[in-house]
Amino acid sequence: MTVLVEMDAIHLKGDCPVDEAEIVLQALLANPGLPVDWSECEGLHTAVLQVLMAARATLTGSPRDQFLRLRVAAALSSQAEA
């Protein structure tokens, strides 16, 4: 499983396929305010990204994937500032 809910954060690990979008949504709803640590994330389906954006999730760490780190993280941080 690529989504792990712990006391400190919701962790995204490895590749997060489309099937994980519902799990991420449920984790965010069950744990409001808990940050999402994506420092071990190597890939993210756009459905998972949409859940993170819609929930305005607080992301911690820097993903391993260069595209996520350089493009997606910048887009999410600019959304948080809006």
PDB file of N, CA and C in Angstrom:
ATOM      1  N   MET A   1       0.845  -1.183   0.000  1.00  0.00           N
ATOM      2  CA  MET A   1       0.000   0.000   0.000  1.00  0.00           C
ATOM      3  C   MET A   1       0.887   1.241   0.000  1.00  0.00           C
ATOM      4  N   THR A   2       0.506   2.222  -0.776  1.00  0.00           N
ATOM      5  CA  THR A   2       1.310   3.428  -0.889  1.00  0.00           C
ATOM      6  C   THR A   2       0.835   4.553   0.022  1.00  0.00           C
ATOM      7  N   VAL A   3      -0.295   4.367   0.681  1.00  0.00           N
ATOM      8  CA  VAL A   3      -0.818   5.376   1.603  1.00  0.00           C
ATOM      9  C   VAL A   3      -0.802   4.780   3.003  1.00  0.00           C
ATOM     10  N   LEU A   4      -0.132   5.472   3.904  1.00  0.00           N
ATOM     11  CA  LEU A   4      -0.014   4.990   5.270  1.00  0.00           C
ATOM     12  C   LEU A   4      -0.379   6.127   6.222  1.00  0.00           C
ATOM     13  N   VAL A   5      -1.371   5.899   7.065  1.00  0.00           N
ATOM     14  CA  VAL A   5      -1.780   6.911   8.029  1.00  0.00           C
ATOM     15  C   VAL A   5      -1.113   6.608   9.363  1.00  0.00           C
ATOM     16  N   GLU A   6      -0.343   7.568   9.856  1.00  0.00           N
ATOM     17  CA  GLU A   6       0.312   7.445  11.152  1.00  0.00           C
ATOM     18  C   GLU A   6      -0.077   8.640  12.004  1.00  0.00           C
ATOM     19  N   MET A   7       0.396   8.679  13.210  1.00  0.00           N
ATOM     20  CA  MET A   7       0.032   9.747  14.139  1.00  0.00           C
ATOM     21  C   MET A   7       0.500  11.122  13.660  1.00  0.00           C
ATOM     22  N   ASP A   8       1.657  11.165  12.988  1.00  0.00           N
ATOM     23  CA  ASP A   8       2.243  12.449  12.597  1.00  0.00           C
ATOM     24  C   ASP A   8       1.803  12.941  11.230  1.00  0.00           C
ATOM     25  N   ALA A   9       1.416  12.030  10.326  1.00  0.00           N
ATOM     26  CA  ALA A   9       1.085  12.435   8.961  1.00  0.00           C
ATOM     27  C   ALA A   9       0.462  11.282   8.178  1.00  0.00           C
ATOM     28  N   ILE A  10      -0.096  11.644   7.034  1.00  0.00           N
ATOM     29  CA  ILE A  10      -0.515  10.674   6.026  1.00  0.00           C
ATOM     30  C   ILE A  10       0.662  10.575   5.069  1.00  0.00           C
ATOM     31  N   HIS A  11       1.235   9.392   4.943  1.00  0.00           N
ATOM     32  CA  HIS A  11       2.449   9.217   4.137  1.00  0.00           C
ATOM     33  C   HIS A  11       2.096   8.626   2.772  1.00  0.00           C
ATOM     34  N   LEU A  12       2.639   9.238   1.712  1.00  0.00           N
ATOM     35  CA  LEU A  12       2.520   8.708   0.364  1.00  0.00           C
ATOM     36  C   LEU A  12       3.875   8.133  -0.012  1.00  0.00           C
ATOM     37  N   LYS A  13       3.889   6.839  -0.372  1.00  0.00           N
ATOM     38  CA  LYS A  13       5.152   6.154  -0.649  1.00  0.00           C
ATOM     39  C   LYS A  13       5.114   5.501  -2.018  1.00  0.00           C
ATOM     40  N   GLY A  14       6.238   5.565  -2.729  1.00  0.00           N
ATOM     41  CA  GLY A  14       6.344   4.925  -4.033  1.00  0.00           C
ATOM     42  C   GLY A  14       5.428   5.563  -5.056  1.00  0.00           C
ATOM     43  N   ASP A  15       4.898   4.752  -5.962  1.00  0.00           N
ATOM     44  CA  ASP A  15       3.942   5.231  -6.954  1.00  0.00           C
ATOM     45  C   ASP A  15       2.544   5.185  -6.367  1.00  0.00           C
ATOM     46  N   CYS A  16       1.804   6.251  -6.515  1.00  0.00           N
ATOM     47  CA  CYS A  16       0.438   6.323  -5.993  1.00  0.00           C
ATOM     48  C   CYS A  16      -0.530   6.265  -7.172  1.00  0.00           C
ATOM     49  N   PRO A  17      -1.061   5.067  -7.483  1.00  0.00           N
ATOM     50  CA  PRO A  17      -1.938   4.905  -8.641  1.00  0.00           C
ATOM     51  C   PRO A  17      -3.350   5.440  -8.386  1.00  0.00           C
ATOM     52  N   VAL A  18      -4.164   5.399  -9.407  1.00  0.00           N
ATOM     53  CA  VAL A  18      -5.521   5.926  -9.336  1.00  0.00           C
ATOM     54  C   VAL A  18      -6.324   5.295  -8.194  1.00  0.00           C
ATOM     55  N   ASP A  19      -6.096   4.022  -7.924  1.00  0.00           N
ATOM     56  CA  ASP A  19      -6.825   3.332  -6.857  1.00  0.00           C
ATOM     57  C   ASP A  19      -6.613   3.965  -5.490  1.00  0.00           C
ATOM     58  N   GLU A  20      -5.529   4.691  -5.332  1.00  0.00           N
ATOM     59  CA  GLU A  20      -5.206   5.291  -4.039  1.00  0.00           C
ATOM     60  C   GLU A  20      -5.947   6.608  -3.789  1.00  0.00           C
ATOM     61  N   ALA A  21      -6.565   7.185  -4.810  1.00  0.00           N
ATOM     62  CA  ALA A  21      -7.250   8.472  -4.651  1.00  0.00           C
ATOM     63  C   ALA A  21      -8.336   8.381  -3.582  1.00  0.00           C
ATOM     64  N   GLU A  22      -9.124   7.346  -3.613  1.00  0.00           N
ATOM     65  CA  GLU A  22     -10.190   7.172  -2.619  1.00  0.00           C
ATOM     66  C   GLU A  22      -9.606   6.966  -1.228  1.00  0.00           C
ATOM     67  N   ILE A  23      -8.528   6.244  -1.135  1.00  0.00           N
ATOM     68  CA  ILE A  23      -7.890   6.010   0.166  1.00  0.00           C
ATOM     69  C   ILE A  23      -7.343   7.314   0.735  1.00  0.00           C
ATOM     70  N   VAL A  24      -6.722   8.121  -0.123  1.00  0.00           N
ATOM     71  CA  VAL A  24      -6.211   9.423   0.326  1.00  0.00           C
ATOM     72  C   VAL A  24      -7.361  10.313   0.784  1.00  0.00           C
ATOM     73  N   LEU A  25      -8.439  10.338   0.014  1.00  0.00           N
ATOM     74  CA  LEU A  25      -9.604  11.136   0.393  1.00  0.00           C
ATOM     75  C   LEU A  25     -10.158  10.703   1.745  1.00  0.00           C
ATOM     76  N   GLN A  26     -10.322   9.417   1.945  1.00  0.00           N
ATOM     77  CA  GLN A  26     -10.844   8.909   3.213  1.00  0.00           C
ATOM     78  C   GLN A  26      -9.906   9.237   4.372  1.00  0.00           C
ATOM     79  N   ALA A  27      -8.606   9.132   4.137  1.00  0.00           N
ATOM     80  CA  ALA A  27      -7.618   9.450   5.177  1.00  0.00           C
ATOM     81  C   ALA A  27      -7.689  10.924   5.557  1.00  0.00           C
ATOM     82  N   LEU A  28      -7.828  11.797   4.550  1.00  0.00           N
ATOM     83  CA  LEU A  28      -7.927  13.231   4.826  1.00  0.00           C
ATOM     84  C   LEU A  28      -9.218  13.581   5.565  1.00  0.00           C
ATOM     85  N   LEU A  29     -10.312  12.943   5.188  1.00  0.00           N
ATOM     86  CA  LEU A  29     -11.588  13.201   5.865  1.00  0.00           C
ATOM     87  C   LEU A  29     -11.586  12.682   7.301  1.00  0.00           C
ATOM     88  N   ALA A  30     -10.948  11.552   7.521  1.00  0.00           N
ATOM     89  CA  ALA A  30     -10.910  10.958   8.858  1.00  0.00           C
ATOM     90  C   ALA A  30      -9.899  11.648   9.774  1.00  0.00           C
ATOM     91  N   ASN A  31      -8.956  12.365   9.189  1.00  0.00           N
ATOM     92  CA  ASN A  31      -7.891  13.004   9.967  1.00  0.00           C
ATOM     93  C   ASN A  31      -7.710  14.462   9.537  1.00  0.00           C
ATOM     94  N   PRO A  32      -8.722  15.298   9.759  1.00  0.00           N
ATOM     95  CA  PRO A  32      -8.612  16.685   9.303  1.00  0.00           C
ATOM     96  C   PRO A  32      -7.422  17.393   9.954  1.00  0.00           C
ATOM     97  N   GLY A  33      -6.711  18.130   9.144  1.00  0.00           N
ATOM     98  CA  GLY A  33      -5.557  18.865   9.652  1.00  0.00           C
ATOM     99  C   GLY A  33      -4.266  18.081   9.660  1.00  0.00           C
ATOM    100  N   LEU A  34      -4.324  16.778   9.450  1.00  0.00           N
ATOM    101  CA  LEU A  34      -3.105  15.971   9.429  1.00  0.00           C
ATOM    102  C   LEU A  34      -2.363  16.232   8.120  1.00  0.00           C
ATOM    103  N   PRO A  35      -1.082  16.569   8.177  1.00  0.00           N
ATOM    104  CA  PRO A  35      -0.351  16.853   6.936  1.00  0.00           C
ATOM    105  C   PRO A  35      -0.107  15.591   6.122  1.00  0.00           C
ATOM    106  N   VAL A  36       0.191  15.794   4.863  1.00  0.00           N
ATOM    107  CA  VAL A  36       0.523  14.695   3.959  1.00  0.00           C
ATOM    108  C   VAL A  36       2.019  14.771   3.671  1.00  0.00           C
ATOM    109  N   ASP A  37       2.733  13.733   4.085  1.00  0.00           N
ATOM    110  CA  ASP A  37       4.179  13.655   3.840  1.00  0.00           C
ATOM    111  C   ASP A  37       4.387  12.892   2.538  1.00  0.00           C
ATOM    112  N   TRP A  38       4.894  13.574   1.537  1.00  0.00           N
ATOM    113  CA  TRP A  38       5.119  12.917   0.258  1.00  0.00           C
ATOM    114  C   TRP A  38       6.598  12.819  -0.087  1.00  0.00           C
ATOM    115  N   SER A  39       7.434  12.794   0.940  1.00  0.00           N
ATOM    116  CA  SER A  39       8.885  12.725   0.730  1.00  0.00           C
ATOM    117  C   SER A  39       9.338  11.398   0.126  1.00  0.00           C
ATOM    118  N   GLU A  40       8.529  10.364   0.220  1.00  0.00           N
ATOM    119  CA  GLU A  40       8.880   9.075  -0.380  1.00  0.00           C
ATOM    120  C   GLU A  40       8.042   8.779  -1.624  1.00  0.00           C
ATOM    121  N   CYS A  41       7.342   9.796  -2.125  1.00  0.00           N
ATOM    122  CA  CYS A  41       6.484   9.638  -3.304  1.00  0.00           C
ATOM    123  C   CYS A  41       7.327   9.665  -4.571  1.00  0.00           C
ATOM    124  N   GLU A  42       7.156   8.636  -5.397  1.00  0.00           N
ATOM    125  CA  GLU A  42       7.908   8.531  -6.647  1.00  0.00           C
ATOM    126  C   GLU A  42       7.022   8.749  -7.868  1.00  0.00           C
ATOM    127  N   GLY A  43       5.740   8.764  -7.686  1.00  0.00           N
ATOM    128  CA  GLY A  43       4.796   8.981  -8.777  1.00  0.00           C
ATOM    129  C   GLY A  43       3.415   9.218  -8.199  1.00  0.00           C
ATOM    130  N   LEU A  44       2.608  10.005  -8.907  1.00  0.00           N
ATOM    131  CA  LEU A  44       1.308  10.404  -8.372  1.00  0.00           C
ATOM    132  C   LEU A  44       0.312  10.480  -9.526  1.00  0.00           C
ATOM    133  N   HIS A  45      -0.720   9.661  -9.471  1.00  0.00           N
ATOM    134  CA  HIS A  45      -1.757   9.736 -10.499  1.00  0.00           C
ATOM    135  C   HIS A  45      -2.493  11.060 -10.347  1.00  0.00           C
ATOM    136  N   THR A  46      -2.970  11.597 -11.450  1.00  0.00           N
ATOM    137  CA  THR A  46      -3.645  12.895 -11.390  1.00  0.00           C
ATOM    138  C   THR A  46      -4.894  12.871 -10.507  1.00  0.00           C
ATOM    139  N   ALA A  47      -5.520  11.720 -10.346  1.00  0.00           N
ATOM    140  CA  ALA A  47      -6.685  11.628  -9.450  1.00  0.00           C
ATOM    141  C   ALA A  47      -6.261  11.875  -8.000  1.00  0.00           C
ATOM    142  N   VAL A  48      -5.110  11.364  -7.616  1.00  0.00           N
ATOM    143  CA  VAL A  48      -4.597  11.595  -6.263  1.00  0.00           C
ATOM    144  C   VAL A  48      -4.238  13.075  -6.117  1.00  0.00           C
ATOM    145  N   LEU A  49      -3.640  13.641  -7.144  1.00  0.00           N
ATOM    146  CA  LEU A  49      -3.307  15.064  -7.123  1.00  0.00           C
ATOM    147  C   LEU A  49      -4.564  15.909  -6.972  1.00  0.00           C
ATOM    148  N   GLN A  50      -5.621  15.560  -7.671  1.00  0.00           N
ATOM    149  CA  GLN A  50      -6.881  16.301  -7.572  1.00  0.00           C
ATOM    150  C   GLN A  50      -7.452  16.248  -6.165  1.00  0.00           C
ATOM    151  N   VAL A  51      -7.347  15.105  -5.513  1.00  0.00           N
ATOM    152  CA  VAL A  51      -7.817  14.991  -4.129  1.00  0.00           C
ATOM    153  C   VAL A  51      -7.007  15.913  -3.226  1.00  0.00           C
ATOM    154  N   LEU A  52      -5.693  15.908  -3.390  1.00  0.00           N
ATOM    155  CA  LEU A  52      -4.839  16.767  -2.569  1.00  0.00           C
ATOM    156  C   LEU A  52      -5.166  18.242  -2.798  1.00  0.00           C
ATOM    157  N   MET A  53      -5.404  18.607  -4.059  1.00  0.00           N
ATOM    158  CA  MET A  53      -5.728  19.994  -4.373  1.00  0.00           C
ATOM    159  C   MET A  53      -7.091  20.392  -3.816  1.00  0.00           C
ATOM    160  N   ALA A  54      -8.091  19.545  -4.015  1.00  0.00           N
ATOM    161  CA  ALA A  54      -9.443  19.859  -3.545  1.00  0.00           C
ATOM    162  C   ALA A  54      -9.494  19.965  -2.029  1.00  0.00           C
ATOM    163  N   ALA A  55      -8.716  19.121  -1.354  1.00  0.00           N
ATOM    164  CA  ALA A  55      -8.701  19.130   0.115  1.00  0.00           C
ATOM    165  C   ALA A  55      -7.795  20.225   0.667  1.00  0.00           C
ATOM    166  N   ARG A  56      -7.025  20.861  -0.236  1.00  0.00           N
ATOM    167  CA  ARG A  56      -6.035  21.854   0.193  1.00  0.00           C
ATOM    168  C   ARG A  56      -5.142  21.273   1.302  1.00  0.00           C
ATOM    169  N   ALA A  57      -4.686  20.056   1.020  1.00  0.00           N
ATOM    170  CA  ALA A  57      -3.852  19.332   1.982  1.00  0.00           C
ATOM    171  C   ALA A  57      -2.523  20.050   2.201  1.00  0.00           C
ATOM    172  N   THR A  58      -2.061  20.021   3.431  1.00  0.00           N
ATOM    173  CA  THR A  58      -0.738  20.546   3.760  1.00  0.00           C
ATOM    174  C   THR A  58       0.281  19.465   3.460  1.00  0.00           C
ATOM    175  N   LEU A  59       1.176  19.745   2.517  1.00  0.00           N
ATOM    176  CA  LEU A  59       2.186  18.765   2.120  1.00  0.00           C
ATOM    177  C   LEU A  59       3.498  19.061   2.816  1.00  0.00           C
ATOM    178  N   THR A  60       4.153  17.999   3.274  1.00  0.00           N
ATOM    179  CA  THR A  60       5.461  18.133   3.902  1.00  0.00           C
ATOM    180  C   THR A  60       6.461  17.278   3.146  1.00  0.00           C
ATOM    181  N   GLY A  61       7.716  17.659   3.228  1.00  0.00           N
ATOM    182  CA  GLY A  61       8.763  16.928   2.542  1.00  0.00           C
ATOM    183  C   GLY A  61       8.829  17.308   1.077  1.00  0.00           C
ATOM    184  N   SER A  62       9.763  16.721   0.397  1.00  0.00           N
ATOM    185  CA  SER A  62       9.967  16.956  -1.027  1.00  0.00           C
ATOM    186  C   SER A  62       9.905  15.611  -1.734  1.00  0.00           C
ATOM    187  N   PRO A  63       9.019  15.454  -2.711  1.00  0.00           N
ATOM    188  CA  PRO A  63       8.885  14.150  -3.367  1.00  0.00           C
ATOM    189  C   PRO A  63      10.156  13.747  -4.101  1.00  0.00           C
ATOM    190  N   ARG A  64      10.344  12.454  -4.252  1.00  0.00           N
ATOM    191  CA  ARG A  64      11.536  11.928  -4.934  1.00  0.00           C
ATOM    192  C   ARG A  64      11.504  12.203  -6.433  1.00  0.00           C
ATOM    193  N   ASP A  65      10.315  12.209  -7.013  1.00  0.00           N
ATOM    194  CA  ASP A  65      10.169  12.407  -8.445  1.00  0.00           C
ATOM    195  C   ASP A  65      10.457  13.859  -8.807  1.00  0.00           C
ATOM    196  N   GLN A  66      11.324  14.064  -9.805  1.00  0.00           N
ATOM    197  CA  GLN A  66      11.738  15.409 -10.186  1.00  0.00           C
ATOM    198  C   GLN A  66      10.568  16.249 -10.700  1.00  0.00           C
ATOM    199  N   PHE A  67       9.686  15.678 -11.516  1.00  0.00           N
ATOM    200  CA  PHE A  67       8.546  16.430 -12.028  1.00  0.00           C
ATOM    201  C   PHE A  67       7.646  16.881 -10.884  1.00  0.00           C
ATOM    202  N   LEU A  68       7.367  15.982  -9.941  1.00  0.00           N
ATOM    203  CA  LEU A  68       6.552  16.358  -8.789  1.00  0.00           C
ATOM    204  C   LEU A  68       7.221  17.460  -7.981  1.00  0.00           C
ATOM    205  N   ARG A  69       8.508  17.318  -7.788  1.00  0.00           N
ATOM    206  CA  ARG A  69       9.256  18.279  -6.976  1.00  0.00           C
ATOM    207  C   ARG A  69       9.308  19.661  -7.628  1.00  0.00           C
ATOM    208  N   LEU A  70       9.563  19.697  -8.945  1.00  0.00           N
ATOM    209  CA  LEU A  70       9.765  20.978  -9.620  1.00  0.00           C
ATOM    210  C   LEU A  70       8.480  21.634 -10.124  1.00  0.00           C
ATOM    211  N   ARG A  71       7.536  20.851 -10.575  1.00  0.00           N
ATOM    212  CA  ARG A  71       6.331  21.423 -11.194  1.00  0.00           C
ATOM    213  C   ARG A  71       5.097  21.339 -10.298  1.00  0.00           C
ATOM    214  N   VAL A  72       4.812  20.147  -9.809  1.00  0.00           N
ATOM    215  CA  VAL A  72       3.585  19.949  -9.047  1.00  0.00           C
ATOM    216  C   VAL A  72       3.666  20.633  -7.683  1.00  0.00           C
ATOM    217  N   ALA A  73       4.790  20.510  -6.998  1.00  0.00           N
ATOM    218  CA  ALA A  73       4.935  21.145  -5.692  1.00  0.00           C
ATOM    219  C   ALA A  73       4.792  22.663  -5.807  1.00  0.00           C
ATOM    220  N   ALA A  74       5.351  23.227  -6.875  1.00  0.00           N
ATOM    221  CA  ALA A  74       5.240  24.676  -7.084  1.00  0.00           C
ATOM    222  C   ALA A  74       3.778  25.072  -7.322  1.00  0.00           C
ATOM    223  N   ALA A  75       3.055  24.285  -8.088  1.00  0.00           N
ATOM    224  CA  ALA A  75       1.643  24.589  -8.348  1.00  0.00           C
ATOM    225  C   ALA A  75       0.814  24.475  -7.073  1.00  0.00           C
ATOM    226  N   LEU A  76       1.091  23.469  -6.270  1.00  0.00           N
ATOM    227  CA  LEU A  76       0.351  23.300  -5.020  1.00  0.00           C
ATOM    228  C   LEU A  76       0.674  24.402  -4.021  1.00  0.00           C
ATOM    229  N   SER A  77       1.909  24.833  -3.972  1.00  0.00           N
ATOM    230  CA  SER A  77       2.251  25.894  -3.021  1.00  0.00           C
ATOM    231  C   SER A  77       1.651  27.223  -3.457  1.00  0.00           C
ATOM    232  N   SER A  78       1.550  27.480  -4.757  1.00  0.00           N
ATOM    233  CA  SER A  78       0.925  28.722  -5.215  1.00  0.00           C
ATOM    234  C   SER A  78      -0.573  28.679  -4.973  1.00  0.00           C
ATOM    235  N   GLN A  79      -1.180  27.488  -5.015  1.00  0.00           N
ATOM    236  CA  GLN A  79      -2.595  27.347  -4.692  1.00  0.00           C
ATOM    237  C   GLN A  79      -2.838  27.669  -3.218  1.00  0.00           C
ATOM    238  N   ALA A  80      -1.936  27.237  -2.360  1.00  0.00           N
ATOM    239  CA  ALA A  80      -2.080  27.469  -0.935  1.00  0.00           C
ATOM    240  C   ALA A  80      -1.979  28.957  -0.602  1.00  0.00           C
ATOM    241  N   GLU A  81      -1.225  29.699  -1.405  1.00  0.00           N
ATOM    242  CA  GLU A  81      -1.050  31.129  -1.175  1.00  0.00           C
ATOM    243  C   GLU A  81      -2.259  31.927  -1.647  1.00  0.00           C
ATOM    244  N   ALA A  82      -3.056  31.354  -2.526  1.00  0.00           N
ATOM    245  CA  ALA A  82      -4.208  32.082  -3.086  1.00  0.00           C
ATOM    246  C   ALA A  82      -5.364  32.179  -2.116  1.00  0.00           C
TER     247      ALA A  82
END
